[in-house]
């Protein structure tokens, strides 16, 4: 009998132990994993906009040709230093020299024609004066009845014809003089075209591009072909960078900027925002705006076309209250009531109405009673991507805020299962 009771007692102990184990692992319980905390601190905070851009000279002049022809000689090459007015290339001038000679001959012919017309004009005036004297004599004779009125009328007709001839001669003389001026203009144009066969530098600078070779033919019928590009001053460069439309509102003239180039890793170059161009650039439905950043280059280390990684400082504050961005992104697990109601919705930390002067809204989670996190609504200021300024006073300096961790709920006991 005692042996039987002992077996029954041992069986009961095993059943009870198994039930406790099953309740521990299968029953509703919470893993007591600790929360991770970060401290609200006070310090400096710098907000910046990052983008990439291209280095270019502040002034670069495209040198072309206003006349067509064959390149006879090129007097400069890449990296050549040139002065304003310096001869840098020449187009074969023979055709234009012939045009000048032709225009000069046309002027000589026109001037000779003017001389002939002037002589004819003088002759017409002489004839007119002679006709006037003859008319006056015959008019007097008619009055004295020495000749018939018909003789006077004939003299009047001759006078009228002489006047008309004089007017024609005068008009022809003026036309010849105008033709001379036209030929002079053509000669001047021919000389200008001849002078344009000599390609000269319009500015002091450095040749950064040469697009032609000796013997090549250039055609300037529709637009001036590009022969050279001359950078006016490589000691004064600029970065043309594209800023996203979401960030361009924070960029202002005069803001400080730094940039790096792959050619000099680890070296920072300084500049400032010189221009924010209002013309939008749309590529694949992405809207950006061009921002010009100055780049001093006294040692000529920076070269046109280099890619620059730009960082524009948009705001900088000292001794502000700041919190880690991880705390603004944290959201505790749903509690049972929220899960049952199905109304739990995720929130994006740091987003809100953004009323002027009130900052953005966000939410922080602080340790509360019964190990349950407590939410605190806060107003946010600038951010550097790692930490964000706290504008509100709901959270004091030194406070611990939750950035991660916390309990995770295990699987509930299956319905109908009895532990003992």
Protein backbone atom coordinates (compact mmCIF):
# COMPACT_ATOMS: atom_id res chain seq x y z
CA UNK A 1 0.00 0.00 0.00
CA UNK A 2 2.86 2.39 0.85
CA UNK A 3 4.59 1.49 -2.39
CA UNK A 4 1.44 2.32 -4.33
CA UNK A 5 1.04 5.66 -2.57
CA UNK A 6 4.68 6.47 -3.27
CA UNK A 7 4.23 5.84 -7.00
CA UNK A 8 1.11 7.98 -7.09
CA UNK A 9 2.90 10.78 -5.24
CA UNK A 10 5.82 10.72 -7.65
CA UNK A 11 3.46 10.80 -10.62
CA UNK A 12 1.70 13.84 -9.18
CA UNK A 13 4.97 15.67 -8.71
CA UNK A 14 5.97 15.01 -12.33
CA UNK A 15 2.61 16.23 -13.63
CA UNK A 16 2.82 19.37 -11.51
CA UNK A 17 6.40 20.09 -12.62
CA UNK A 18 5.50 19.59 -16.28
CA UNK A 19 2.57 21.94 -15.89
CA UNK A 20 4.76 24.64 -14.39
CA UNK A 21 7.26 24.31 -17.23
CA UNK A 22 4.51 24.44 -19.83
CA UNK A 23 2.94 27.47 -18.16
CA UNK A 24 6.29 29.25 -18.14
CA UNK A 25 7.05 28.71 -21.81
CA UNK A 26 3.59 28.58 -23.33
CA UNK A 27 1.57 30.81 -21.08
CA UNK A 28 1.19 34.62 -21.57
CA UNK A 29 4.33 36.20 -20.18
CA UNK A 30 6.77 38.93 -21.12
CA UNK A 31 10.46 38.71 -21.73
CA UNK A 32 12.12 41.06 -19.32
CA UNK A 33 14.65 42.40 -21.84
CA UNK A 34 15.79 45.86 -20.64
CA UNK A 35 15.15 49.11 -22.47
CA UNK A 36 18.02 51.02 -24.00
CA UNK A 37 18.34 54.63 -22.90
CA UNK A 38 20.03 57.83 -24.06
CA UNK A 39 20.52 61.01 -22.10
CA UNK A 40 19.15 64.41 -23.07
CA UNK A 41 22.23 66.63 -23.30
CA UNK A 42 23.16 70.23 -23.92
CA UNK A 43 25.71 71.17 -26.57
CA UNK A 44 26.42 72.58 -30.00
CA UNK A 45 24.33 71.58 -33.00
CA UNK A 46 24.98 72.25 -36.67
CA UNK A 47 22.38 71.69 -39.40
CA UNK A 48 23.68 71.23 -42.94
CA UNK A 49 22.59 70.29 -46.45
CA UNK A 50 24.74 67.82 -48.36
CA UNK A 51 24.92 67.56 -52.16
CA UNK A 52 27.32 66.92 -55.02
CA UNK A 53 28.41 69.39 -57.66
CA UNK A 54 30.97 70.21 -60.32
CA UNK A 55 33.87 72.66 -60.16
CA UNK A 56 33.93 75.28 -62.91
CA UNK A 57 35.72 78.57 -63.54
CA UNK A 58 33.72 81.62 -62.51
CA UNK A 59 34.17 83.04 -66.03
CA UNK A 60 34.86 80.82 -69.03
CA UNK A 61 34.72 82.27 -72.53
CA UNK A 62 33.91 80.24 -75.61
CA UNK A 63 36.01 81.47 -78.52
CA UNK A 64 34.52 80.89 -81.95
CA UNK A 65 34.84 82.06 -85.54
CA UNK A 66 32.53 84.53 -87.27
CA UNK A 67 33.78 83.54 -90.72
CA UNK A 68 34.06 80.21 -92.48
CA UNK A 69 37.28 78.79 -93.81
CA UNK A 70 40.19 76.46 -93.26
CA UNK A 71 42.33 76.72 -90.12
CA UNK A 72 45.76 77.79 -91.39
CA UNK A 73 47.63 77.83 -88.07
CA UNK A 74 47.03 77.36 -84.35
CA UNK A 75 49.30 79.28 -82.01
CA UNK A 76 48.17 77.99 -78.57
CA UNK A 77 47.41 74.64 -76.98
CA UNK A 78 45.81 73.24 -73.83
CA UNK A 79 46.92 75.06 -70.63
CA UNK A 80 48.45 77.94 -72.61
CA UNK A 81 48.35 81.28 -70.80
CA UNK A 82 46.98 84.01 -73.07
CA UNK A 83 46.48 87.77 -72.91
CA UNK A 84 43.54 89.79 -74.14
CA UNK A 85 43.94 90.50 -77.88
CA UNK A 86 46.63 87.86 -78.37
CA UNK A 87 46.55 86.00 -81.70
CA UNK A 88 45.71 82.36 -80.97
CA UNK A 89 44.71 81.00 -84.41
CA UNK A 90 44.33 82.08 -88.01
CA UNK A 91 41.90 81.11 -90.77
CA UNK A 92 43.24 81.10 -94.34
CA UNK A 93 42.74 84.77 -95.37
CA UNK A 94 43.23 84.44 -99.15
CA UNK A 95 39.53 84.39 -100.05
CA UNK A 96 38.86 87.43 -97.87
CA UNK A 97 41.84 89.31 -99.29
CA UNK A 98 40.38 88.85 -102.77
CA UNK A 99 37.03 90.19 -101.54
CA UNK A 100 38.81 93.29 -100.23
CA UNK A 101 40.48 93.83 -103.62
CA UNK A 102 37.17 93.40 -105.41
CA UNK A 103 35.50 95.90 -103.09
CA UNK A 104 38.29 98.41 -103.68
CA UNK A 105 37.87 98.05 -107.45
CA UNK A 106 34.11 98.53 -107.12
CA UNK A 107 34.72 101.77 -105.25
CA UNK A 108 37.05 103.06 -107.96
CA UNK A 109 34.40 102.32 -110.60
CA UNK A 110 31.69 104.00 -108.55
CA UNK A 111 33.80 107.09 -107.99
CA UNK A 112 34.49 107.31 -111.74
CA UNK A 113 30.75 107.11 -112.40
CA UNK A 114 30.23 109.96 -109.93
CA UNK A 115 32.65 112.13 -111.89
CA UNK A 116 30.75 111.42 -115.12
CA UNK A 117 27.42 112.22 -113.48
CA UNK A 118 28.77 115.44 -112.04
CA UNK A 119 29.95 116.50 -115.51
CA UNK A 120 26.54 115.69 -116.97
CA UNK A 121 24.88 117.60 -114.14
CA UNK A 122 27.07 120.63 -114.90
CA UNK A 123 26.25 120.41 -118.61
CA UNK A 124 22.53 120.22 -117.79
CA UNK A 125 22.78 123.37 -115.68
CA UNK A 126 24.58 125.19 -118.50
CA UNK A 127 21.87 124.16 -120.95
CA UNK A 128 19.20 125.32 -118.51
CA UNK A 129 20.86 128.73 -118.12
CA UNK A 130 21.17 129.10 -121.90
CA UNK A 131 17.50 128.20 -122.35
CA UNK A 132 16.50 130.77 -119.72
CA UNK A 133 18.43 133.56 -121.49
CA UNK A 134 16.93 132.60 -124.88
CA UNK A 135 13.43 132.62 -123.41
CA UNK A 136 13.90 136.08 -121.88
CA UNK A 137 15.19 137.52 -125.19
CA UNK A 138 12.29 136.08 -127.20
CA UNK A 139 9.82 137.27 -124.61
CA UNK A 140 11.14 140.82 -125.01
CA UNK A 141 11.03 140.57 -128.81
CA UNK A 142 7.44 139.38 -128.74
CA UNK A 143 6.48 142.36 -126.60
CA UNK A 144 8.07 144.65 -129.26
CA UNK A 145 6.33 142.65 -132.01
CA UNK A 146 9.65 141.74 -133.61
CA UNK A 147 8.86 137.98 -133.57
CA UNK A 148 5.73 135.92 -133.35
CA UNK A 149 4.46 134.45 -130.03
CA UNK A 150 5.13 131.02 -131.44
CA UNK A 151 8.89 131.67 -131.17
CA UNK A 152 8.43 132.61 -127.53
CA UNK A 153 6.41 129.45 -126.83
CA UNK A 154 9.08 127.32 -128.46
CA UNK A 155 11.72 128.92 -126.25
CA UNK A 156 9.50 128.18 -123.20
CA UNK A 157 9.31 124.53 -124.18
CA UNK A 158 13.07 124.35 -124.62
CA UNK A 159 13.53 125.90 -121.15
CA UNK A 160 11.18 123.42 -119.51
CA UNK A 161 13.05 120.52 -121.11
CA UNK A 162 16.40 121.93 -119.92
CA UNK A 163 15.09 122.19 -116.35
CA UNK A 164 13.87 118.61 -116.44
CA UNK A 165 17.21 117.43 -117.81
CA UNK A 166 19.00 119.27 -115.04
CA UNK A 167 16.86 117.58 -112.41
CA UNK A 168 17.54 114.17 -113.94
CA UNK A 169 21.27 114.85 -114.00
CA UNK A 170 21.18 115.95 -110.35
CA UNK A 171 19.30 112.77 -109.32
CA UNK A 172 21.76 110.58 -111.24
CA UNK A 173 24.67 112.33 -109.55
CA UNK A 174 23.17 111.70 -106.10
CA UNK A 175 22.54 108.08 -107.00
CA UNK A 176 26.18 107.67 -108.04
CA UNK A 177 27.34 109.22 -104.78
CA UNK A 178 25.09 106.83 -102.82
CA UNK A 179 26.57 103.94 -104.83
CA UNK A 180 30.03 105.07 -103.75
CA UNK A 181 28.98 105.00 -100.10
CA UNK A 182 27.52 101.53 -100.62
CA UNK A 183 30.77 100.31 -102.15
CA UNK A 184 32.68 101.86 -99.24
CA UNK A 185 30.50 99.95 -96.80
CA UNK A 186 31.13 96.73 -98.70
CA UNK A 187 34.86 97.42 -98.56
CA UNK A 188 34.66 98.03 -94.81
CA UNK A 189 32.75 94.74 -94.35
CA UNK A 190 35.32 92.89 -96.45
CA UNK A 191 38.09 94.32 -94.28
CA UNK A 192 36.21 93.29 -91.12
CA UNK A 193 35.84 89.74 -92.45
CA UNK A 194 39.52 89.70 -93.32
CA UNK A 195 40.40 90.85 -89.81
CA UNK A 196 38.17 88.12 -88.36
CA UNK A 197 40.37 85.47 -89.94
CA UNK A 198 42.78 86.30 -87.12
CA UNK A 199 41.29 84.65 -83.98
CA UNK A 200 42.28 86.58 -80.86
CA UNK A 201 41.75 85.94 -77.16
CA UNK A 202 38.95 88.10 -75.74
CA UNK A 203 40.26 87.88 -72.14
CA UNK A 204 43.33 87.15 -70.07
CA UNK A 205 43.24 83.52 -69.00
CA UNK A 206 44.18 79.91 -69.64
CA UNK A 207 43.13 77.71 -72.55
CA UNK A 208 41.22 74.82 -70.99
CA UNK A 209 39.88 73.36 -74.24
CA UNK A 210 40.96 73.30 -77.90
CA UNK A 211 38.41 71.91 -80.36
CA UNK A 212 40.16 72.33 -83.76
CA UNK A 213 43.38 71.35 -85.52
CA UNK A 214 45.36 72.86 -88.34
CA UNK A 215 43.77 72.14 -91.72
CA UNK A 216 40.28 71.69 -90.31
CA UNK A 217 37.47 73.62 -92.02
CA UNK A 218 35.04 75.56 -89.86
CA UNK A 219 31.60 76.66 -91.05
CA UNK A 220 30.00 79.71 -89.48
CA UNK A 221 26.85 79.82 -91.59
CA UNK A 222 24.34 79.26 -88.76
CA UNK A 223 26.34 79.78 -85.56
CA UNK A 224 29.89 80.44 -84.53
CA UNK A 225 31.76 77.13 -84.22
CA UNK A 226 33.63 76.55 -80.96
CA UNK A 227 37.41 76.75 -81.37
CA UNK A 228 38.66 77.26 -77.81
CA UNK A 229 37.40 77.69 -74.25
CA UNK A 230 39.41 80.11 -72.14
CA UNK A 231 39.03 80.23 -68.36
CA UNK A 232 39.46 83.81 -67.27
CA UNK A 233 40.88 83.06 -63.80
CA UNK A 234 41.43 79.59 -62.35
CA UNK A 235 42.39 81.02 -58.95
CA UNK A 236 38.72 81.90 -58.46
CA UNK A 237 36.51 78.85 -59.02
CA UNK A 238 32.93 77.92 -58.16
CA UNK A 239 30.95 74.75 -57.47
CA UNK A 240 27.66 74.29 -59.30
CA UNK A 241 25.68 71.93 -57.08
CA UNK A 242 22.11 70.61 -57.28
CA UNK A 243 20.01 70.93 -54.11
CA UNK A 244 16.81 68.94 -53.64
CA UNK A 245 13.60 70.95 -53.48
CA UNK A 246 13.02 69.70 -49.92
CA UNK A 247 16.27 71.34 -48.77
CA UNK A 248 16.59 74.44 -50.94
CA UNK A 249 14.32 76.44 -48.64
CA UNK A 250 17.04 76.34 -45.97
CA UNK A 251 19.79 77.61 -48.26
CA UNK A 252 20.57 81.34 -48.12
CA UNK A 253 23.15 83.64 -49.68
CA UNK A 254 26.31 83.97 -47.62
CA UNK A 255 25.98 80.64 -45.80
CA UNK A 256 29.30 78.91 -45.16
CA UNK A 257 30.08 75.73 -47.05
CA UNK A 258 32.81 73.13 -47.20
CA UNK A 259 33.53 70.58 -49.90
CA UNK A 260 35.90 67.77 -50.72
CA UNK A 261 37.18 66.34 -54.00
CA UNK A 262 38.41 62.84 -54.71
CA UNK A 263 41.78 64.15 -55.88
CA UNK A 264 42.61 65.35 -52.34
CA UNK A 265 41.01 62.89 -49.87
CA UNK A 266 40.74 64.15 -46.33
CA UNK A 267 41.19 67.79 -47.29
CA UNK A 268 38.36 70.27 -46.83
CA UNK A 269 37.97 73.33 -49.02
CA UNK A 270 35.93 76.31 -47.86
CA UNK A 271 33.48 78.57 -49.64
CA UNK A 272 30.11 80.27 -49.30
CA UNK A 273 26.79 80.34 -51.11
CA UNK A 274 26.98 82.97 -53.86
CA UNK A 275 23.77 82.31 -55.78
CA UNK A 276 20.56 80.27 -55.56
CA UNK A 277 19.19 79.99 -59.07
CA UNK A 278 15.41 80.02 -59.29
CA UNK A 279 15.21 77.90 -62.46
CA UNK A 280 14.20 74.36 -61.51
CA UNK A 281 15.85 71.30 -63.04
CA UNK A 282 13.51 68.30 -63.42
CA UNK A 283 15.06 64.88 -64.07
CA UNK A 284 12.95 61.72 -63.68
CA UNK A 285 10.35 63.73 -61.74
CA UNK A 286 13.01 64.84 -59.25
CA UNK A 287 13.13 68.63 -58.83
CA UNK A 288 16.42 70.27 -57.93
CA UNK A 289 17.80 73.81 -57.92
CA UNK A 290 21.30 74.94 -58.84
CA UNK A 291 23.25 76.57 -56.01
CA UNK A 292 26.59 78.29 -56.69
CA UNK A 293 29.28 77.96 -54.01
CA UNK A 294 32.50 79.97 -54.23
CA UNK A 295 35.81 78.10 -54.22
CA UNK A 296 39.10 79.93 -53.77
CA UNK A 297 41.92 78.19 -55.64
CA UNK A 298 45.11 80.20 -55.04
CA UNK A 299 47.39 77.18 -55.51
CA UNK A 300 45.55 75.97 -58.64
CA UNK A 301 44.96 72.54 -57.09
CA UNK A 302 41.32 72.45 -58.13
CA UNK A 303 40.66 71.73 -61.79
CA UNK A 304 37.53 72.38 -63.87
CA UNK A 305 35.18 69.42 -64.02
CA UNK A 306 36.13 67.87 -60.66
CA UNK A 307 33.26 66.39 -58.64
CA UNK A 308 32.79 68.11 -55.29
CA UNK A 309 30.95 66.75 -52.26
CA UNK A 310 29.43 69.89 -50.75
CA UNK A 311 28.16 70.51 -47.23
CA UNK A 312 26.30 73.80 -46.70
CA UNK A 313 25.81 74.91 -43.09
CA UNK A 314 22.22 76.16 -42.86
CA UNK A 315 22.03 76.71 -39.07
CA UNK A 316 24.40 76.53 -36.11
CA UNK A 317 23.54 76.81 -32.40
CA UNK A 318 25.58 76.54 -29.22
CA UNK A 319 24.48 75.09 -25.86
CA UNK A 320 21.08 73.83 -27.00
CA UNK A 321 19.13 70.95 -25.51
CA UNK A 322 19.40 67.99 -27.87
CA UNK A 323 18.29 64.39 -28.05
CA UNK A 324 19.36 61.42 -30.15
CA UNK A 325 17.34 60.88 -33.33
CA UNK A 326 17.01 57.21 -32.33
CA UNK A 327 14.79 58.31 -29.43
CA UNK A 328 12.48 60.12 -31.85
CA UNK A 329 12.21 57.01 -34.02
CA UNK A 330 11.49 54.63 -31.11
CA UNK A 331 7.96 53.21 -30.72
CA UNK A 332 7.11 50.67 -28.00
CA UNK A 333 5.35 47.39 -28.83
CA UNK A 334 1.55 47.51 -29.05
CA UNK A 335 -0.22 46.74 -25.79
CA UNK A 336 -3.02 44.21 -25.67
CA UNK A 337 -5.84 46.76 -25.73
CA UNK A 338 -4.47 48.55 -28.84
CA UNK A 339 -3.95 45.24 -30.62
CA UNK A 340 -7.51 44.17 -29.78
CA UNK A 341 -9.03 47.44 -30.92
CA UNK A 342 -6.89 47.45 -34.05
CA UNK A 343 -6.36 51.19 -33.90
CA UNK A 344 -2.63 51.28 -33.27
CA UNK A 345 -0.97 53.41 -36.00
CA UNK A 346 2.76 54.05 -36.37
CA UNK A 347 4.01 57.61 -36.09
CA UNK A 348 6.98 59.20 -37.79
CA UNK A 349 9.18 60.87 -35.24
CA UNK A 350 9.95 64.50 -35.73
CA UNK A 351 7.08 65.23 -38.12
CA UNK A 352 4.19 67.52 -37.44
CA UNK A 353 2.34 70.66 -38.32
CA UNK A 354 5.45 72.83 -38.16
CA UNK A 355 3.71 76.06 -37.21
CA UNK A 356 5.91 79.16 -37.60
CA UNK A 357 7.97 79.77 -34.48
CA UNK A 358 6.82 76.53 -32.82
CA UNK A 359 9.05 74.00 -34.57
CA UNK A 360 8.17 70.49 -35.62
CA UNK A 361 6.37 68.12 -33.30
CA UNK A 362 7.72 64.78 -32.13
CA UNK A 363 7.32 62.16 -29.42
CA UNK A 364 9.75 60.83 -26.83
CA UNK A 365 9.26 57.83 -24.54
CA UNK A 366 10.40 57.97 -20.93
CA UNK A 367 10.39 55.17 -18.32
CA UNK A 368 7.12 55.22 -16.37
CA UNK A 369 5.43 53.28 -13.58
CA UNK A 370 5.08 49.49 -13.75
CA UNK A 371 7.86 49.40 -16.35
CA UNK A 372 5.51 50.93 -18.92
CA UNK A 373 6.96 53.66 -21.23
CA UNK A 374 5.37 57.07 -20.97
CA UNK A 375 4.96 59.22 -24.12
CA UNK A 376 5.88 62.91 -24.05
CA UNK A 377 5.04 65.29 -26.92
CA UNK A 378 7.91 67.67 -27.71
CA UNK A 379 8.71 70.46 -30.15
CA UNK A 380 11.82 70.05 -32.30
CA UNK A 381 14.29 72.44 -33.90
CA UNK A 382 17.28 71.89 -36.14
CA UNK A 383 18.97 68.55 -36.65
CA UNK A 384 22.38 67.40 -37.81
CA UNK A 385 21.17 63.94 -38.78
CA UNK A 386 22.29 62.36 -35.49
CA UNK A 387 20.74 64.59 -32.84
CA UNK A 388 17.82 67.05 -32.83
CA UNK A 389 17.24 70.23 -30.89
CA UNK A 390 14.51 70.20 -28.23
CA UNK A 391 12.56 73.47 -28.14
CA UNK A 392 10.01 72.47 -25.52
CA UNK A 393 10.64 72.15 -21.75
CA UNK A 394 8.73 68.93 -21.15
CA UNK A 395 12.01 66.99 -20.97
CA UNK A 396 14.84 68.35 -18.84
CA UNK A 397 18.57 68.14 -19.37
CA UNK A 398 19.95 64.83 -18.16
CA UNK A 399 16.65 62.95 -18.55
CA UNK A 400 16.82 59.36 -19.77
CA UNK A 401 14.79 58.65 -22.89
CA UNK A 402 14.17 55.27 -24.49
CA UNK A 403 15.97 54.56 -27.77
CA UNK A 404 15.32 50.82 -28.15
CA UNK A 405 14.85 47.44 -26.46
CA UNK A 406 11.89 46.57 -24.23
CA UNK A 407 9.77 43.46 -23.54
CA UNK A 408 8.52 41.14 -26.27
CA UNK A 409 5.30 39.16 -25.68
CA UNK A 410 5.54 35.36 -26.04
CA UNK A 411 2.96 33.06 -27.59
CA UNK A 412 -0.19 32.58 -25.51
CA UNK A 413 -1.30 29.19 -24.20
CA UNK A 414 -3.30 27.33 -26.90
CA UNK A 415 -7.07 27.26 -26.12
CA UNK A 416 -8.22 24.18 -24.22
CA UNK A 417 -4.76 23.17 -23.03
CA UNK A 418 -4.64 22.25 -19.31
CA UNK A 419 -1.35 22.41 -17.51
CA UNK A 420 -2.47 20.04 -14.70
